[in-house]
């Protein structure tokens, strides 16, 4: 899918930048890009209504990337009721 306008971009933190883009041809998804030291390391679709969770939990995600696990992504994707948008 072709990404649309940028929803937000975080300020660099420990070499990481997070961006969220609208996906105009989707049914409620956005695309998240995670960049480290100027290189794209992850790109994935994410529910548009939750894109702000990525920015809010960027520190958790950075720690996960540095520790080579996915815990920060699962924290950002939590629905608060024991479910997750990644599951």
C-alpha atoms as a PDB file:
ATOM      1  CA  UNK A   1       0.000   0.000   0.000  1.00  0.00           C
ATOM      2  CA  UNK A   2       1.097   3.530  -0.688  1.00  0.00           C
ATOM      3  CA  UNK A   3       1.657   5.617   2.421  1.00  0.00           C
ATOM      4  CA  UNK A   4       0.018   8.994   2.676  1.00  0.00           C
ATOM      5  CA  UNK A   5       0.767  12.046   4.771  1.00  0.00           C
ATOM      6  CA  UNK A   6       2.924  11.856   7.846  1.00  0.00           C
ATOM      7  CA  UNK A   7       0.960  11.787  11.094  1.00  0.00           C
ATOM      8  CA  UNK A   8       3.987  12.434  13.310  1.00  0.00           C
ATOM      9  CA  UNK A   9       7.747  12.060  13.642  1.00  0.00           C
ATOM     10  CA  UNK A  10       9.551  11.832  16.963  1.00  0.00           C
ATOM     11  CA  UNK A  11      12.687  13.731  17.822  1.00  0.00           C
ATOM     12  CA  UNK A  12      15.813  11.548  17.695  1.00  0.00           C
ATOM     13  CA  UNK A  13      16.392   9.662  20.922  1.00  0.00           C
ATOM     14  CA  UNK A  14      19.510   7.512  21.279  1.00  0.00           C
ATOM     15  CA  UNK A  15      19.686   7.366  17.487  1.00  0.00           C
ATOM     16  CA  UNK A  16      16.070   6.218  17.020  1.00  0.00           C
ATOM     17  CA  UNK A  17      13.294   8.075  15.181  1.00  0.00           C
ATOM     18  CA  UNK A  18       9.686   6.868  14.895  1.00  0.00           C
ATOM     19  CA  UNK A  19       7.312   7.955  12.133  1.00  0.00           C
ATOM     20  CA  UNK A  20       3.650   7.240  11.539  1.00  0.00           C
ATOM     21  CA  UNK A  21       2.004   7.661   8.132  1.00  0.00           C
ATOM     22  CA  UNK A  22      -1.599   7.536   7.016  1.00  0.00           C
ATOM     23  CA  UNK A  23      -2.540   4.717   4.653  1.00  0.00           C
ATOM     24  CA  UNK A  24      -5.311   6.308   2.578  1.00  0.00           C
ATOM     25  CA  UNK A  25      -6.297   3.064   0.818  1.00  0.00           C
ATOM     26  CA  UNK A  26      -6.599   1.000   4.012  1.00  0.00           C
ATOM     27  CA  UNK A  27      -9.484   0.382   6.339  1.00  0.00           C
ATOM     28  CA  UNK A  28      -8.090   2.071   9.431  1.00  0.00           C
ATOM     29  CA  UNK A  29      -4.404   1.197   9.316  1.00  0.00           C
ATOM     30  CA  UNK A  30      -1.321   3.370   9.391  1.00  0.00           C
ATOM     31  CA  UNK A  31       2.292   2.489   8.707  1.00  0.00           C
ATOM     32  CA  UNK A  32       4.962   2.842  11.374  1.00  0.00           C
ATOM     33  CA  UNK A  33       8.625   3.266  10.466  1.00  0.00           C
ATOM     34  CA  UNK A  34      11.420   2.829  12.990  1.00  0.00           C
ATOM     35  CA  UNK A  35      14.758   4.303  12.032  1.00  0.00           C
ATOM     36  CA  UNK A  36      18.081   3.864  13.829  1.00  0.00           C
ATOM     37  CA  UNK A  37      21.116   5.989  13.006  1.00  0.00           C
ATOM     38  CA  UNK A  38      19.449   7.079   9.746  1.00  0.00           C
ATOM     39  CA  UNK A  39      18.617   3.522   8.581  1.00  0.00           C
ATOM     40  CA  UNK A  40      15.114   2.064   8.430  1.00  0.00           C
ATOM     41  CA  UNK A  41      15.082  -0.995  10.714  1.00  0.00           C
ATOM     42  CA  UNK A  42      11.338  -1.757  10.853  1.00  0.00           C
ATOM     43  CA  UNK A  43       8.230  -0.870   8.919  1.00  0.00           C
ATOM     44  CA  UNK A  44       4.836  -2.316   9.785  1.00  0.00           C
ATOM     45  CA  UNK A  45       1.118  -1.651   9.575  1.00  0.00           C
ATOM     46  CA  UNK A  46      -0.552  -0.663  12.835  1.00  0.00           C
ATOM     47  CA  UNK A  47      -4.122   0.367  13.702  1.00  0.00           C
ATOM     48  CA  UNK A  48      -4.366   4.104  13.072  1.00  0.00           C
ATOM     49  CA  UNK A  49      -6.254   4.718  16.300  1.00  0.00           C
ATOM     50  CA  UNK A  50      -3.218   3.449  18.265  1.00  0.00           C
ATOM     51  CA  UNK A  51      -0.330   5.187  16.444  1.00  0.00           C
ATOM     52  CA  UNK A  52       0.223   7.557  19.359  1.00  0.00           C
ATOM     53  CA  UNK A  53       1.053   4.547  21.562  1.00  0.00           C
ATOM     54  CA  UNK A  54       4.221   4.026  19.515  1.00  0.00           C
ATOM     55  CA  UNK A  55       5.444   7.530  20.307  1.00  0.00           C
ATOM     56  CA  UNK A  56       4.304   7.297  23.918  1.00  0.00           C
ATOM     57  CA  UNK A  57       6.196   4.035  24.396  1.00  0.00           C
ATOM     58  CA  UNK A  58       9.209   4.913  22.259  1.00  0.00           C
ATOM     59  CA  UNK A  59      11.538   4.496  25.233  1.00  0.00           C
ATOM     60  CA  UNK A  60      10.161   0.986  25.866  1.00  0.00           C
ATOM     61  CA  UNK A  61      10.634   0.152  22.183  1.00  0.00           C
ATOM     62  CA  UNK A  62      14.189   1.535  22.156  1.00  0.00           C
ATOM     63  CA  UNK A  63      15.066  -0.589  25.188  1.00  0.00           C
ATOM     64  CA  UNK A  64      13.572  -3.624  23.413  1.00  0.00           C
ATOM     65  CA  UNK A  65      15.577  -2.952  20.258  1.00  0.00           C
ATOM     66  CA  UNK A  66      18.768  -2.601  22.300  1.00  0.00           C
ATOM     67  CA  UNK A  67      17.936  -5.808  24.222  1.00  0.00           C
ATOM     68  CA  UNK A  68      16.927  -7.673  21.011  1.00  0.00           C
ATOM     69  CA  UNK A  69      13.388  -8.452  22.128  1.00  0.00           C
ATOM     70  CA  UNK A  70       9.848  -7.319  21.284  1.00  0.00           C
ATOM     71  CA  UNK A  71       8.584  -6.330  24.737  1.00  0.00           C
ATOM     72  CA  UNK A  72       8.308  -2.591  23.998  1.00  0.00           C
ATOM     73  CA  UNK A  73       6.227  -3.254  20.887  1.00  0.00           C
ATOM     74  CA  UNK A  74       3.867  -5.448  22.917  1.00  0.00           C
ATOM     75  CA  UNK A  75       3.530  -2.715  25.550  1.00  0.00           C
ATOM     76  CA  UNK A  76       2.647  -0.189  22.815  1.00  0.00           C
ATOM     77  CA  UNK A  77       0.187  -2.610  21.215  1.00  0.00           C
ATOM     78  CA  UNK A  78      -1.637  -3.557  24.426  1.00  0.00           C
ATOM     79  CA  UNK A  79      -5.371  -3.015  24.488  1.00  0.00           C
ATOM     80  CA  UNK A  80      -5.323  -2.723  28.281  1.00  0.00           C
ATOM     81  CA  UNK A  81      -7.528  -5.794  28.685  1.00  0.00           C
ATOM     82  CA  UNK A  82      -4.935  -8.506  28.217  1.00  0.00           C
ATOM     83  CA  UNK A  83      -5.103  -8.400  24.415  1.00  0.00           C
ATOM     84  CA  UNK A  84      -2.717  -6.944  21.893  1.00  0.00           C
ATOM     85  CA  UNK A  85      -2.934  -5.618  18.344  1.00  0.00           C
ATOM     86  CA  UNK A  86       0.181  -7.675  17.474  1.00  0.00           C
ATOM     87  CA  UNK A  87      -1.384 -10.969  18.551  1.00  0.00           C
END
